[in-house]
C-alpha atoms as a PDB file:
ATOM      1  CA  MET A   1     118.764 -73.272 147.974  1.00  0.00           C
ATOM      2  CA  VAL A   2     117.722 -72.435 144.411  1.00  0.00           C
ATOM      3  CA  ALA A   3     119.535 -69.622 142.578  1.00  0.00           C
ATOM      4  CA  PRO A   4     117.428 -66.439 142.112  1.00  0.00           C
ATOM      5  CA  LYS A   5     117.629 -66.611 138.312  1.00  0.00           C
ATOM      6  CA  ARG A   6     116.395 -70.204 138.397  1.00  0.00           C
ATOM      7  CA  GLN A   7     113.540 -69.234 140.764  1.00  0.00           C
ATOM      8  CA  VAL A   8     112.481 -66.514 138.331  1.00  0.00           C
ATOM      9  CA  LEU A   9     112.556 -68.993 135.469  1.00  0.00           C
ATOM     10  CA  VAL A  10     110.459 -71.518 137.430  1.00  0.00           C
ATOM     11  CA  LYS A  11     107.878 -68.865 138.417  1.00  0.00           C
ATOM     12  CA  PHE A  12     107.771 -67.548 134.855  1.00  0.00           C
ATOM     13  CA  LEU A  13     107.198 -71.071 133.502  1.00  0.00           C
ATOM     14  CA  LEU A  14     104.441 -71.719 136.068  1.00  0.00           C
ATOM     15  CA  LEU A  15     102.642 -68.493 135.145  1.00  0.00           C
ATOM     16  CA  LEU A  16     103.089 -69.302 131.473  1.00  0.00           C
ATOM     17  CA  MET A  17     101.584 -72.751 132.071  1.00  0.00           C
ATOM     18  CA  ILE A  18      98.535 -71.115 133.690  1.00  0.00           C
ATOM     19  CA  LEU A  19      98.131 -68.816 130.684  1.00  0.00           C
ATOM     20  CA  VAL A  20      98.544 -71.711 128.231  1.00  0.00           C
ATOM     21  CA  GLY A  21      96.124 -73.829 130.289  1.00  0.00           C
ATOM     22  CA  TYR A  22      93.558 -71.029 130.242  1.00  0.00           C
ATOM     23  CA  PHE A  23      94.012 -70.675 126.486  1.00  0.00           C
ATOM     24  CA  GLY A  24      93.570 -74.459 126.151  1.00  0.00           C
ATOM     25  CA  TYR A  25      90.378 -74.370 128.199  1.00  0.00           C
ATOM     26  CA  LEU A  26      88.936 -71.508 126.137  1.00  0.00           C
ATOM     27  CA  THR A  27      89.938 -73.258 122.913  1.00  0.00           C
ATOM     28  CA  TYR A  28      88.156 -76.405 124.104  1.00  0.00           C
ATOM     29  CA  GLN A  29      85.049 -74.372 125.066  1.00  0.00           C
ATOM     30  CA  TYR A  30      84.910 -72.384 121.809  1.00  0.00           C
ATOM     31  CA  ASP A  31      87.510 -72.780 119.056  1.00  0.00           C
ATOM     32  CA  PHE A  32      91.172 -71.950 118.487  1.00  0.00           C
ATOM     33  CA  LEU A  33      90.677 -68.355 117.337  1.00  0.00           C
ATOM     34  CA  THR A  34      88.030 -67.493 119.931  1.00  0.00           C
ATOM     35  CA  GLY A  35      90.090 -69.089 122.700  1.00  0.00           C
ATOM     36  CA  GLY A  36      93.185 -67.179 121.642  1.00  0.00           C
ATOM     37  CA  VAL A  37      91.485 -63.811 121.391  1.00  0.00           C
ATOM     38  CA  ALA A  38      89.607 -64.328 124.675  1.00  0.00           C
ATOM     39  CA  ALA A  39      92.879 -65.293 126.410  1.00  0.00           C
ATOM     40  CA  LEU A  40      94.560 -62.151 125.036  1.00  0.00           C
ATOM     41  CA  ILE A  41      91.658 -59.944 126.153  1.00  0.00           C
ATOM     42  CA  THR A  42      91.770 -61.567 129.589  1.00  0.00           C
ATOM     43  CA  TRP A  43      95.511 -60.941 129.827  1.00  0.00           C
ATOM     44  CA  SER A  44      94.972 -57.334 128.742  1.00  0.00           C
ATOM     45  CA  PHE A  45      92.287 -56.933 131.410  1.00  0.00           C
ATOM     46  CA  PHE A  46      94.808 -57.878 134.090  1.00  0.00           C
ATOM     47  CA  VAL A  47      97.287 -55.412 132.613  1.00  0.00           C
ATOM     48  CA  LEU A  48      94.899 -52.481 132.181  1.00  0.00           C
ATOM     49  CA  CYS A  49      92.389 -52.995 134.978  1.00  0.00           C
ATOM     50  CA  THR A  50      94.361 -54.094 138.029  1.00  0.00           C
ATOM     51  CA  PRO A  51      96.502 -51.615 139.974  1.00  0.00           C
ATOM     52  CA  VAL A  52      99.560 -53.851 140.325  1.00  0.00           C
ATOM     53  CA  ALA A  53     101.925 -55.195 137.706  1.00  0.00           C
ATOM     54  CA  ASP A  54     100.543 -58.710 137.611  1.00  0.00           C
ATOM     55  CA  ALA A  55     100.081 -59.666 133.972  1.00  0.00           C
ATOM     56  CA  GLY A  56     103.019 -57.516 132.958  1.00  0.00           C
ATOM     57  CA  PHE A  57     105.059 -59.078 135.730  1.00  0.00           C
ATOM     58  CA  LEU A  58     105.122 -62.191 133.569  1.00  0.00           C
ATOM     59  CA  LEU A  59     107.719 -60.287 131.525  1.00  0.00           C
ATOM     60  CA  ASP A  60     108.987 -57.395 133.664  1.00  0.00           C
ATOM     61  CA  PHE A  61     110.757 -59.190 136.481  1.00  0.00           C
ATOM     62  CA  PRO A  62     112.421 -61.902 134.366  1.00  0.00           C
ATOM     63  CA  LEU A  63     113.644 -59.293 131.855  1.00  0.00           C
ATOM     64  CA  ARG A  64     115.082 -57.201 134.706  1.00  0.00           C
ATOM     65  CA  LEU A  65     116.865 -60.133 136.316  1.00  0.00           C
ATOM     66  CA  LEU A  66     118.092 -61.816 133.177  1.00  0.00           C
ATOM     67  CA  PHE A  67     118.927 -58.843 130.938  1.00  0.00           C
ATOM     68  CA  GLY A  68     118.943 -55.792 133.213  1.00  0.00           C
ATOM     69  CA  ILE A  69     116.042 -54.106 131.379  1.00  0.00           C
ATOM     70  CA  ARG A  70     114.323 -51.764 133.799  1.00  0.00           C
ATOM     71  CA  MET A  71     110.845 -52.994 134.657  1.00  0.00           C
ATOM     72  CA  VAL A  72     109.271 -49.621 133.871  1.00  0.00           C
ATOM     73  CA  VAL A  73     110.501 -49.874 130.262  1.00  0.00           C
ATOM     74  CA  SER A  74     109.134 -53.375 129.726  1.00  0.00           C
ATOM     75  CA  GLU A  75     105.850 -52.404 131.424  1.00  0.00           C
ATOM     76  CA  ILE A  76     105.377 -49.538 128.963  1.00  0.00           C
ATOM     77  CA  VAL A  77     105.682 -52.077 126.146  1.00  0.00           C
ATOM     78  CA  VAL A  78     103.234 -54.406 127.948  1.00  0.00           C
ATOM     79  CA  TRP A  79     100.686 -51.575 128.253  1.00  0.00           C
ATOM     80  CA  ALA A  80     101.091 -50.675 124.578  1.00  0.00           C
ATOM     81  CA  ILE A  81     100.420 -54.303 123.612  1.00  0.00           C
ATOM     82  CA  ALA A  82      97.394 -54.550 125.940  1.00  0.00           C
ATOM     83  CA  ILE A  83      95.894 -51.321 124.580  1.00  0.00           C
ATOM     84  CA  SER A  84      96.498 -52.475 120.996  1.00  0.00           C
ATOM     85  CA  ILE A  85      94.786 -55.815 121.658  1.00  0.00           C
ATOM     86  CA  ASN A  86      91.695 -54.027 122.935  1.00  0.00           C
ATOM     87  CA  LEU A  87      91.615 -51.450 120.158  1.00  0.00           C
ATOM     88  CA  LEU A  88      91.755 -54.192 117.534  1.00  0.00           C
ATOM     89  CA  ALA A  89      89.208 -56.379 119.323  1.00  0.00           C
ATOM     90  CA  ILE A  90      86.702 -53.624 120.108  1.00  0.00           C
ATOM     91  CA  PHE A  91      86.759 -52.209 116.554  1.00  0.00           C
ATOM     92  CA  TYR A  92      87.055 -55.400 114.507  1.00  0.00           C
ATOM     93  CA  SER A  93      85.731 -58.291 116.612  1.00  0.00           C
ATOM     94  CA  PRO A  94      83.679 -57.089 119.599  1.00  0.00           C
ATOM     95  CA  GLU A  95      81.927 -60.473 119.797  1.00  0.00           C
ATOM     96  CA  TYR A  96      85.018 -61.944 121.496  1.00  0.00           C
ATOM     97  CA  TYR A  97      84.212 -59.863 124.567  1.00  0.00           C
ATOM     98  CA  GLN A  98      81.145 -62.058 125.152  1.00  0.00           C
ATOM     99  CA  THR A  99      83.122 -65.229 125.938  1.00  0.00           C
ATOM    100  CA  THR A 100      83.868 -64.951 129.684  1.00  0.00           C
ATOM    101  CA  PHE A 101      82.946 -62.883 132.704  1.00  0.00           C
ATOM    102  CA  ILE A 102      86.317 -61.101 132.618  1.00  0.00           C
ATOM    103  CA  THR A 103      86.096 -60.277 128.910  1.00  0.00           C
ATOM    104  CA  ARG A 104      82.562 -58.894 129.376  1.00  0.00           C
ATOM    105  CA  LEU A 105      83.784 -56.838 132.325  1.00  0.00           C
ATOM    106  CA  CYS A 106      86.671 -55.555 130.222  1.00  0.00           C
ATOM    107  CA  GLU A 107      84.210 -54.492 127.526  1.00  0.00           C
ATOM    108  CA  VAL A 108      82.052 -52.593 130.043  1.00  0.00           C
ATOM    109  CA  ILE A 109      85.104 -50.722 131.310  1.00  0.00           C
ATOM    110  CA  ILE A 110      86.333 -49.878 127.800  1.00  0.00           C
ATOM    111  CA  LEU A 111      82.960 -48.755 126.462  1.00  0.00           C
ATOM    112  CA  ASN A 112      82.082 -46.559 129.463  1.00  0.00           C
ATOM    113  CA  PRO A 113      84.706 -43.839 129.785  1.00  0.00           C
ATOM    114  CA  TYR A 114      82.882 -42.249 132.693  1.00  0.00           C
ATOM    115  CA  PRO A 115      83.432 -43.462 135.346  1.00  0.00           C
ATOM    116  CA  TYR A 116      85.232 -46.674 134.414  1.00  0.00           C
ATOM    117  CA  TRP A 117      88.269 -45.300 132.626  1.00  0.00           C
ATOM    118  CA  ALA A 118      89.235 -44.136 136.097  1.00  0.00           C
ATOM    119  CA  ILE A 119      89.859 -47.841 136.773  1.00  0.00           C
ATOM    120  CA  VAL A 120      92.382 -47.889 133.936  1.00  0.00           C
ATOM    121  CA  GLY A 121      93.931 -44.618 135.135  1.00  0.00           C
ATOM    122  CA  LEU A 122      94.229 -45.813 138.719  1.00  0.00           C
ATOM    123  CA  SER A 123      95.561 -49.131 137.474  1.00  0.00           C
ATOM    124  CA  ALA A 124      98.230 -47.316 135.456  1.00  0.00           C
ATOM    125  CA  VAL A 125      99.266 -45.235 138.455  1.00  0.00           C
ATOM    126  CA  GLY A 126      99.282 -48.252 140.788  1.00  0.00           C
ATOM    127  CA  THR A 127     101.102 -50.453 138.303  1.00  0.00           C
ATOM    128  CA  PHE A 128     103.830 -47.960 137.560  1.00  0.00           C
ATOM    129  CA  LEU A 129     104.251 -47.129 141.245  1.00  0.00           C
ATOM    130  CA  SER A 130     104.658 -50.810 142.065  1.00  0.00           C
ATOM    131  CA  ILE A 131     107.067 -51.214 139.134  1.00  0.00           C
ATOM    132  CA  ARG A 132     109.050 -48.195 140.272  1.00  0.00           C
ATOM    133  CA  PHE A 133     109.146 -49.625 143.776  1.00  0.00           C
ATOM    134  CA  GLY A 134     110.318 -52.962 142.337  1.00  0.00           C
ATOM    135  CA  ASP A 135     113.020 -51.263 140.280  1.00  0.00           C
ATOM    136  CA  GLU A 136     114.145 -49.350 143.386  1.00  0.00           C
ATOM    137  CA  LEU A 137     114.347 -52.575 145.386  1.00  0.00           C
ATOM    138  CA  MET A 138     116.411 -54.162 142.645  1.00  0.00           C
ATOM    139  CA  ASP A 139     118.690 -51.101 142.638  1.00  0.00           C
ATOM    140  CA  VAL A 140     119.126 -51.368 146.418  1.00  0.00           C
ATOM    141  CA  PHE A 141     119.802 -55.087 146.118  1.00  0.00           C
ATOM    142  CA  HIS A 142     122.528 -54.491 143.525  1.00  0.00           C
ATOM    143  CA  HIS A 143     124.029 -51.365 145.133  1.00  0.00           C
ATOM    144  CA  LYS A 144     127.367 -51.851 146.941  1.00  0.00           C
ATOM    145  CA  ASP A 145     126.457 -49.652 149.897  1.00  0.00           C
ATOM    146  CA  ARG A 146     122.876 -50.846 150.463  1.00  0.00           C
ATOM    147  CA  LEU A 147     122.380 -49.201 153.859  1.00  0.00           C
ATOM    148  CA  VAL A 148     123.381 -45.698 152.695  1.00  0.00           C
ATOM    149  CA  TYR A 149     121.333 -46.078 149.494  1.00  0.00           C
ATOM    150  CA  PHE A 150     118.278 -47.243 151.460  1.00  0.00           C
ATOM    151  CA  LYS A 151     118.546 -44.412 154.030  1.00  0.00           C
ATOM    152  CA  HIS A 152     118.806 -41.872 151.212  1.00  0.00           C
ATOM    153  CA  HIS A 153     115.623 -43.137 149.512  1.00  0.00           C
ATOM    154  CA  PHE A 154     113.564 -44.230 152.553  1.00  0.00           C
ATOM    155  CA  LYS A 155     111.332 -41.115 152.862  1.00  0.00           C
ATOM    156  CA  HIS A 156     110.678 -41.162 149.144  1.00  0.00           C
ATOM    157  CA  GLU A 157     109.626 -44.819 149.314  1.00  0.00           C
ATOM    158  CA  ILE A 158     107.244 -44.142 152.242  1.00  0.00           C
ATOM    159  CA  ILE A 159     105.539 -41.381 150.233  1.00  0.00           C
ATOM    160  CA  LEU A 160     105.220 -43.729 147.240  1.00  0.00           C
ATOM    161  CA  LEU A 161     103.783 -46.455 149.464  1.00  0.00           C
ATOM    162  CA  VAL A 162     101.150 -44.121 150.958  1.00  0.00           C
ATOM    163  CA  PHE A 163     100.210 -42.862 147.492  1.00  0.00           C
ATOM    164  CA  PHE A 164      99.976 -46.468 146.277  1.00  0.00           C
ATOM    165  CA  LEU A 165      97.606 -47.314 149.157  1.00  0.00           C
ATOM    166  CA  VAL A 166      95.404 -44.323 148.242  1.00  0.00           C
ATOM    167  CA  VAL A 167      95.324 -45.565 144.640  1.00  0.00           C
ATOM    168  CA  ILE A 168      94.340 -49.080 145.758  1.00  0.00           C
ATOM    169  CA  PHE A 169      91.551 -47.722 147.985  1.00  0.00           C
ATOM    170  CA  SER A 170      90.206 -45.494 145.186  1.00  0.00           C
ATOM    171  CA  TYR A 171      90.403 -48.388 142.735  1.00  0.00           C
ATOM    172  CA  TYR A 172      88.286 -50.629 144.937  1.00  0.00           C
ATOM    173  CA  GLN A 173      85.750 -47.856 145.463  1.00  0.00           C
ATOM    174  CA  ILE A 174      85.241 -47.469 141.718  1.00  0.00           C
ATOM    175  CA  MET A 175      85.290 -51.232 141.039  1.00  0.00           C
ATOM    176  CA  SER A 176      82.541 -51.694 143.616  1.00  0.00           C
ATOM    177  CA  THR A 177      80.238 -49.595 141.431  1.00  0.00           C
ATOM    178  CA  LEU A 178      80.358 -52.338 138.773  1.00  0.00           C
ATOM    179  CA  GLY A 179      78.267 -54.555 141.067  1.00  0.00           C
ATOM    180  CA  ILE A 180      80.714 -57.467 140.991  1.00  0.00           C
ATOM    181  CA  GLN A 181      79.827 -60.100 143.541  1.00  0.00           C
ATOM    182  CA  ILE A 182      81.809 -63.215 144.285  1.00  0.00           C
ATOM    183  CA  GLN A 183      79.444 -66.045 145.158  1.00  0.00           C
ATOM    184  CA  ASP A 184      80.384 -68.526 147.871  1.00  0.00           C
END
């Protein structure tokens, strides 16, 4: 059996390899600068426009396990970086949004506050709920009296879960208005 810290490191390295591979592909398709900016915009899309902590999870969970930094704190930093990337790109180099489907989709969401900023809002709510839930699970895991701690927080966690499901449903309703179709 592999130690939890080693598992986190392996998963982190695998996700990092995917990101580096994607950057390599975009660099091959375009050039170094375009590939880098497009990869950053893509990463920021997954931070800002998906209602779970997926792109931020690249940092959040390892930082929590290795250094004890609460995931909500690192996720706030991740969101600040993702917002900054888009502010710089949209004001200084909007042409980078034309590189991939995801970057074009990100541009549509950013440039159309109504109704698409609701996607970002719902994503923020969903992300921070999932992060809070993750932090709570880590707290339960590290608490000496797990059963008492879990019983004390169980109703609260059920309410959070139901709210999270409502957020996910609302998110998909709004995303469907973008006309995204996955072809077989």
